[in-house]
C-alpha cells in the first residue's frame, strides 16, 4: 500500500481529525485535529472558533471512499435557534454519546446548494460528510450532531441518506423566539435577515410575499417569517414518511421540565441508552450553566431574562405574533403545537 494511502487511512480512522470544511470550488474536505475536550468547550464548531485550532489537512473528495470510514449510529438535533439546543447537546454528551455542535462542514454544504451545485453532486458530498461526522470519540458508540439552523433545508435529505438516523426537532415558541431576537439587539436583527436571505435563495418561502414586501417588514416580522418557514418544515417532517424517526418538542418544556422531557429525548435518539447514562444526562452540569458562556444560569434566571425582555418589547412582540398567526393561518401552518 502506498505511503500516501496509509496516511489517508490513518486520518480517516482517527476521530480526533474533525472534518471541518468542504470547499466546493476545489471539491475537497478540510480536516482539523481538534480534541474532543476542545470540541466540548466550544459552543459552535464554526470556522470563527476553529480556524486557528490544530493542524489542518485537505483531501480531495474523490479520494475518500465510504468503505474506508468506520461509522457509528448518527442522530441529529435540528432546531429553530434560540431554543436551548446547545444546552441539550452539552447535556447529551454526558450520556455516553459523542456530540458535535454546528459543524462548519454542513454549513459549507448548504452553501454549495445556494451556489448552484447540482442535487446529485451535493448529495454525494453530503453522504461523505455525514460518514466523516459519524466517527465517534473513543468509548462511545453513537454520534449526535446539532447542525446550524441554516442547514435545516437539508434535514429531509440527511434523514433520507441515513435511514437508521433519528432526529429531534427543537423549536422555541414564536413569542420566545421574538423575545430572544429583540433582547439580543442589532446583531441578531441583522442575523434574522441573513436567515431570510438563505431561505429565499433556497426556495423555502411560499407565503406569497414579493421582494418589496420584505423591504417593508420590520426586523421582528422578518424574524417571525423565518421562524414560520422552519416550523412549516418541521411539521412536514413530523407528518410525513419520516415521522417515526422524528420527535418535535419546544424549548420551554425542555428547560422547565427536564426531568420529564430528557429521558424521552434520550430514548428517542438512542433507544438502547441505559438508565445510568440517562441519569447522567439528567444530572448534567450543562443544565445549570449558560450554554454559550459557561457561567451558572438556572431555569428561573432564564425565565426572568425572558420576562424582562418581553416587558421591554411587549407591544412589538404582541403585534408581530398576531401578524405571524394570520400569515400561518393563510398558509395552513399550525402554530399551536
Protein backbone atom coordinates (compact mmCIF):
# COMPACT_ATOMS: atom_id res chain seq x y z
CA UNK A 1 0.00 0.00 0.00
CA UNK A 2 1.48 3.43 -0.95
CA UNK A 3 2.59 5.66 1.91
CA UNK A 4 0.07 8.36 0.97
CA UNK A 5 -2.73 5.77 1.11
CA UNK A 6 -1.56 4.68 4.54
CA UNK A 7 -1.61 8.29 5.75
CA UNK A 8 -5.08 8.73 4.27
CA UNK A 9 -6.42 5.66 6.06
CA UNK A 10 -4.90 6.77 9.37
CA UNK A 11 -6.50 10.20 9.09
CA UNK A 12 -9.92 8.77 8.21
CA UNK A 13 -9.79 6.27 11.06
CA UNK A 14 -8.77 8.84 13.69
CA UNK A 15 -11.84 10.70 15.00
CA UNK A 16 -9.60 13.38 16.53
CA UNK A 17 -9.36 14.68 12.96
CA UNK A 18 -12.62 16.61 12.69
CA UNK A 19 -14.00 17.09 9.20
CA UNK A 20 -14.22 20.88 9.34
CA UNK A 21 -14.81 22.39 5.89
CA UNK A 22 -15.97 21.46 2.42
CA UNK A 23 -14.66 23.59 -0.45
CA UNK A 24 -16.94 23.10 -3.45
CA UNK A 25 -14.61 25.10 -5.72
CA UNK A 26 -11.80 22.58 -5.07
CA UNK A 27 -14.16 19.66 -4.31
CA UNK A 28 -12.15 18.89 -1.19
CA UNK A 29 -12.71 18.34 2.53
CA UNK A 30 -10.55 20.03 5.14
CA UNK A 31 -9.79 18.30 8.44
CA UNK A 32 -8.54 19.85 11.67
CA UNK A 33 -7.01 18.00 14.58
CA UNK A 34 -9.35 19.11 17.37
CA UNK A 35 -9.52 17.13 20.59
CA UNK A 36 -12.90 16.07 21.92
CA UNK A 37 -12.46 18.14 25.12
CA UNK A 38 -11.79 21.20 22.94
CA UNK A 39 -14.94 20.44 20.93
CA UNK A 40 -16.97 20.12 24.14
CA UNK A 41 -15.89 23.56 25.37
CA UNK A 42 -16.57 25.23 22.01
CA UNK A 43 -20.26 26.21 21.64
CA UNK A 44 -20.13 26.13 17.83
CA UNK A 45 -17.64 24.21 15.67
CA UNK A 46 -17.51 27.11 13.24
CA UNK A 47 -14.59 28.47 11.28
CA UNK A 48 -14.65 31.53 13.54
CA UNK A 49 -13.86 29.30 16.52
CA UNK A 50 -11.64 26.66 14.91
CA UNK A 51 -9.77 28.37 12.06
CA UNK A 52 -6.58 28.57 14.14
CA UNK A 53 -7.02 25.36 16.14
CA UNK A 54 -4.84 22.33 15.43
CA UNK A 55 -3.15 21.17 12.29
CA UNK A 56 -5.18 21.29 9.06
CA UNK A 57 -5.13 18.85 6.16
CA UNK A 58 -7.17 18.73 2.97
CA UNK A 59 -8.27 15.70 0.99
CA UNK A 60 -9.85 15.62 -2.45
CA UNK A 61 -13.39 14.32 -2.10
CA UNK A 62 -12.82 11.78 -4.85
CA UNK A 63 -10.01 10.22 -2.80
CA UNK A 64 -12.39 9.42 0.08
CA UNK A 65 -14.37 6.20 -0.23
CA UNK A 66 -17.22 5.50 2.18
CA UNK A 67 -15.88 1.97 2.64
CA UNK A 68 -12.75 3.48 4.24
CA UNK A 69 -14.77 5.14 7.01
CA UNK A 70 -15.87 3.23 10.10
CA UNK A 71 -19.23 4.77 11.04
CA UNK A 72 -21.29 4.64 14.22
CA UNK A 73 -25.03 5.39 14.56
CA UNK A 74 -25.61 9.05 13.72
CA UNK A 75 -28.51 11.14 15.05
CA UNK A 76 -29.49 14.81 14.85
CA UNK A 77 -30.92 17.81 16.67
CA UNK A 78 -32.50 20.16 14.13
CA UNK A 79 -33.57 23.43 15.70
CA UNK A 80 -35.10 26.86 15.19
CA UNK A 81 -32.32 28.79 17.03
CA UNK A 82 -32.71 30.37 20.49
CA UNK A 83 -34.31 27.17 21.81
CA UNK A 84 -31.75 25.62 24.21
CA UNK A 85 -30.32 23.35 21.52
CA UNK A 86 -26.74 23.96 22.70
CA UNK A 87 -27.79 23.15 26.27
CA UNK A 88 -29.36 19.89 25.07
CA UNK A 89 -26.28 18.98 23.05
CA UNK A 90 -23.99 19.52 26.03
CA UNK A 91 -26.25 17.56 28.37
CA UNK A 92 -26.37 14.61 25.95
CA UNK A 93 -22.56 14.50 25.88
CA UNK A 94 -22.78 13.19 29.47
CA UNK A 95 -24.94 10.30 28.27
CA UNK A 96 -22.30 8.14 26.65
CA UNK A 97 -22.59 9.60 23.15
CA UNK A 98 -20.31 11.85 21.11
CA UNK A 99 -21.83 15.25 20.32
CA UNK A 100 -20.94 17.83 17.68
CA UNK A 101 -22.40 21.34 17.82
CA UNK A 102 -22.92 23.09 14.49
CA UNK A 103 -20.01 21.67 12.48
CA UNK A 104 -18.96 24.11 9.76
CA UNK A 105 -18.81 21.41 7.08
CA UNK A 106 -22.63 21.21 6.97
CA UNK A 107 -22.89 24.97 6.52
CA UNK A 108 -20.46 24.66 3.63
CA UNK A 109 -22.64 22.03 2.00
CA UNK A 110 -25.75 24.21 2.24
CA UNK A 111 -23.57 26.96 0.77
CA UNK A 112 -22.83 24.69 -2.18
CA UNK A 113 -26.58 24.32 -2.72
CA UNK A 114 -27.01 28.10 -2.70
CA UNK A 115 -24.21 28.46 -5.23
CA UNK A 116 -25.99 26.17 -7.66
CA UNK A 117 -24.22 22.83 -7.27
CA UNK A 118 -26.40 20.06 -8.66
CA UNK A 119 -28.54 17.93 -6.35
CA UNK A 120 -26.67 14.68 -7.09
CA UNK A 121 -23.30 16.38 -6.51
CA UNK A 122 -24.40 17.81 -3.17
CA UNK A 123 -25.97 14.50 -2.12
CA UNK A 124 -22.75 12.64 -2.85
CA UNK A 125 -20.63 15.07 -0.81
CA UNK A 126 -23.26 15.24 1.94
CA UNK A 127 -23.12 11.45 2.19
CA UNK A 128 -19.35 11.64 2.62
CA UNK A 129 -19.59 14.49 5.12
CA UNK A 130 -22.11 12.58 7.25
CA UNK A 131 -19.90 9.49 7.22
CA UNK A 132 -16.93 11.58 8.38
CA UNK A 133 -19.01 13.12 11.17
CA UNK A 134 -20.14 9.64 12.29
CA UNK A 135 -16.71 8.74 13.68
CA UNK A 136 -17.21 8.76 17.46
CA UNK A 137 -14.98 9.61 20.37
CA UNK A 138 -13.28 6.55 21.84
CA UNK A 139 -15.53 4.87 24.40
CA UNK A 140 -18.82 5.95 22.81
CA UNK A 141 -20.85 4.15 20.19
CA UNK A 142 -23.11 6.86 18.73
CA UNK A 143 -22.77 10.43 17.47
CA UNK A 144 -25.36 13.19 17.89
CA UNK A 145 -24.94 16.20 15.60
CA UNK A 146 -26.65 19.53 16.11
CA UNK A 147 -26.41 21.31 12.76
CA UNK A 148 -26.78 25.06 12.45
CA UNK A 149 -30.38 26.02 11.73
CA UNK A 150 -29.15 27.30 8.38
CA UNK A 151 -28.81 23.61 7.47
CA UNK A 152 -32.49 22.77 8.15
CA UNK A 153 -33.17 22.81 4.41
CA UNK A 154 -31.10 19.61 4.18
CA UNK A 155 -32.84 17.83 7.07
CA UNK A 156 -35.01 15.67 4.80
CA UNK A 157 -32.04 14.76 2.61
CA UNK A 158 -29.92 13.93 5.66
CA UNK A 159 -32.53 11.60 7.12
CA UNK A 160 -33.09 10.01 3.73
CA UNK A 161 -29.38 9.34 3.31
CA UNK A 162 -29.25 7.87 6.84
CA UNK A 163 -32.35 5.62 7.17
CA UNK A 164 -31.31 4.48 10.66
CA UNK A 165 -30.88 8.02 11.97
CA UNK A 166 -33.31 9.69 14.34
CA UNK A 167 -33.85 13.39 14.96
CA UNK A 168 -35.20 15.82 17.50
CA UNK A 169 -36.95 18.87 16.05
CA UNK A 170 -36.45 21.52 18.75
CA UNK A 171 -38.05 24.95 18.50
CA UNK A 172 -38.75 27.99 20.62
CA UNK A 173 -42.40 29.09 20.74
CA UNK A 174 -42.82 32.12 18.50
CA UNK A 175 -43.11 34.79 21.26
CA UNK A 176 -40.00 33.36 22.95
CA UNK A 177 -38.12 33.38 19.64
CA UNK A 178 -39.11 37.01 19.00
CA UNK A 179 -38.15 37.95 22.55
CA UNK A 180 -34.67 36.47 22.00
CA UNK A 181 -34.22 38.44 18.79
CA UNK A 182 -35.30 41.69 20.44
CA UNK A 183 -33.17 41.08 23.53
CA UNK A 184 -30.00 40.23 21.61
CA UNK A 185 -30.06 43.55 19.75
CA UNK A 186 -28.72 44.75 16.43
CA UNK A 187 -26.53 41.79 15.51
CA UNK A 188 -29.47 39.42 15.91
CA UNK A 189 -31.84 41.64 13.96
CA UNK A 190 -29.28 41.53 11.15
CA UNK A 191 -28.90 37.78 11.53
CA UNK A 192 -32.62 37.07 11.05
CA UNK A 193 -32.41 38.98 7.77
CA UNK A 194 -29.49 36.79 6.77
CA UNK A 195 -31.60 33.73 7.63
CA UNK A 196 -34.45 35.04 5.46
CA UNK A 197 -31.98 35.61 2.62
CA UNK A 198 -30.89 31.95 2.89
CA UNK A 199 -34.49 30.79 2.87
CA UNK A 200 -35.35 32.90 -0.18
CA UNK A 201 -32.28 31.64 -2.07
CA UNK A 202 -33.23 28.05 -1.26
CA UNK A 203 -36.85 28.48 -2.37
CA UNK A 204 -38.19 27.68 1.10
CA UNK A 205 -40.73 30.53 1.33
CA UNK A 206 -44.19 30.07 -0.15
CA UNK A 207 -46.24 32.69 1.68
CA UNK A 208 -46.91 34.89 -1.35
CA UNK A 209 -44.70 37.86 -0.46
CA UNK A 210 -42.84 39.94 -3.04
CA UNK A 211 -39.35 41.43 -2.78
CA UNK A 212 -40.90 44.82 -1.97
CA UNK A 213 -42.95 43.22 0.82
CA UNK A 214 -39.77 42.06 2.55
CA UNK A 215 -38.32 45.59 2.42
CA UNK A 216 -41.40 46.91 4.23
CA UNK A 217 -41.19 44.36 7.05
CA UNK A 218 -39.82 45.22 10.48
CA UNK A 219 -36.97 43.22 11.94
CA UNK A 220 -39.31 41.15 14.09
CA UNK A 221 -41.63 40.48 11.14
CA UNK A 222 -38.61 39.13 9.26
CA UNK A 223 -37.72 37.05 12.32
CA UNK A 224 -41.27 35.69 12.55
CA UNK A 225 -41.29 34.79 8.87
CA UNK A 226 -38.01 32.89 9.21
CA UNK A 227 -39.47 31.06 12.21
CA UNK A 228 -42.61 30.14 10.24
CA UNK A 229 -40.52 28.68 7.41
CA UNK A 230 -38.70 26.44 9.87
CA UNK A 231 -41.89 25.48 11.68
CA UNK A 232 -43.53 24.55 8.39
CA UNK A 233 -40.53 22.36 7.55
CA UNK A 234 -40.61 20.65 10.94
CA UNK A 235 -44.34 19.98 10.60
CA UNK A 236 -43.82 18.41 7.18
CA UNK A 237 -41.17 16.08 8.64
CA UNK A 238 -43.38 15.26 11.61
CA UNK A 239 -46.40 14.39 9.47
CA UNK A 240 -44.63 12.72 6.53
CA UNK A 241 -42.99 9.35 5.87
CA UNK A 242 -40.11 10.17 8.25
CA UNK A 243 -42.48 10.79 11.18
CA UNK A 244 -41.50 7.69 13.16
CA UNK A 245 -37.90 8.91 13.31
CA UNK A 246 -38.51 12.49 14.46
CA UNK A 247 -39.69 13.95 17.75
CA UNK A 248 -40.81 17.58 17.87
CA UNK A 249 -40.64 19.48 21.15
CA UNK A 250 -40.43 23.08 22.33
CA UNK A 251 -37.70 24.74 24.35
CA UNK A 252 -39.88 25.70 27.30
CA UNK A 253 -40.90 22.13 28.05
CA UNK A 254 -37.24 21.15 27.87
CA UNK A 255 -35.90 23.87 30.15
CA UNK A 256 -38.76 23.95 32.67
CA UNK A 257 -39.41 20.20 32.92
CA UNK A 258 -36.08 18.47 32.16
CA UNK A 259 -36.83 15.53 34.46
CA UNK A 260 -39.86 14.69 32.29
CA UNK A 261 -38.51 15.58 28.86
CA UNK A 262 -34.87 14.48 28.85
CA UNK A 263 -35.45 10.72 29.34
CA UNK A 264 -37.90 10.79 26.44
CA UNK A 265 -35.42 12.62 24.21
CA UNK A 266 -32.59 10.25 25.17
CA UNK A 267 -34.66 7.16 24.44
CA UNK A 268 -35.85 8.59 21.15
CA UNK A 269 -32.37 9.39 19.88
CA UNK A 270 -30.62 6.34 21.31
CA UNK A 271 -33.23 3.65 22.07
CA UNK A 272 -30.66 1.43 23.78
CA UNK A 273 -29.32 4.17 26.08
CA UNK A 274 -29.13 2.64 29.54
CA UNK A 275 -30.53 4.09 32.74
CA UNK A 276 -27.11 5.10 34.07
CA UNK A 277 -26.46 7.29 31.06
CA UNK A 278 -29.94 8.80 31.16
CA UNK A 279 -29.38 9.65 34.83
CA UNK A 280 -26.07 11.27 33.90
CA UNK A 281 -27.86 13.46 31.36
CA UNK A 282 -30.42 14.48 33.99
CA UNK A 283 -27.59 15.45 36.35
CA UNK A 284 -25.51 17.19 33.68
CA UNK A 285 -23.80 20.40 34.74
CA UNK A 286 -24.95 21.85 31.43
CA UNK A 287 -28.49 22.17 32.78
CA UNK A 288 -27.40 24.78 35.32
CA UNK A 289 -24.92 26.70 33.16
CA UNK A 290 -25.26 29.28 30.41
CA UNK A 291 -24.83 27.19 27.26
CA UNK A 292 -22.75 29.81 25.43
CA UNK A 293 -20.68 31.40 28.20
CA UNK A 294 -20.44 28.71 30.89
CA UNK A 295 -21.46 30.68 34.00
CA UNK A 296 -24.15 29.46 36.40
CA UNK A 297 -27.58 30.05 34.89
CA UNK A 298 -30.73 28.48 36.31
CA UNK A 299 -34.08 27.91 34.56
CA UNK A 300 -35.51 30.59 36.84
CA UNK A 301 -32.89 33.10 35.69
CA UNK A 302 -33.70 32.20 32.09
CA UNK A 303 -37.39 32.93 32.71
CA UNK A 304 -36.56 36.24 34.41
CA UNK A 305 -34.37 37.26 31.48
CA UNK A 306 -37.23 36.46 29.08
CA UNK A 307 -39.79 38.35 31.17
CA UNK A 308 -37.61 41.46 31.31
CA UNK A 309 -37.11 41.42 27.52
CA UNK A 310 -40.79 40.74 26.88
CA UNK A 311 -41.72 43.68 29.07
CA UNK A 312 -39.35 46.00 27.22
CA UNK A 313 -40.61 44.96 23.77
CA UNK A 314 -44.15 43.82 24.60
CA UNK A 315 -46.05 45.94 22.07
CA UNK A 316 -43.88 44.94 19.10
CA UNK A 317 -43.79 41.25 20.06
CA UNK A 318 -47.56 41.10 20.54
CA UNK A 319 -48.35 42.79 17.21
CA UNK A 320 -45.86 40.69 15.24
CA UNK A 321 -47.08 37.47 16.86
CA UNK A 322 -50.66 38.27 15.79
CA UNK A 323 -49.45 39.11 12.27
CA UNK A 324 -47.48 35.85 12.05
CA UNK A 325 -50.50 33.84 13.17
CA UNK A 326 -52.51 35.34 10.33
CA UNK A 327 -49.75 34.51 7.83
CA UNK A 328 -49.65 30.97 9.21
CA UNK A 329 -53.43 30.61 9.03
CA UNK A 330 -53.46 31.70 5.39
CA UNK A 331 -50.67 29.23 4.57
CA UNK A 332 -52.12 26.34 6.56
CA UNK A 333 -49.25 26.23 9.05
CA UNK A 334 -50.28 25.02 12.51
CA UNK A 335 -48.54 27.14 15.15
CA UNK A 336 -50.45 25.73 18.09
CA UNK A 337 -48.08 22.78 18.61
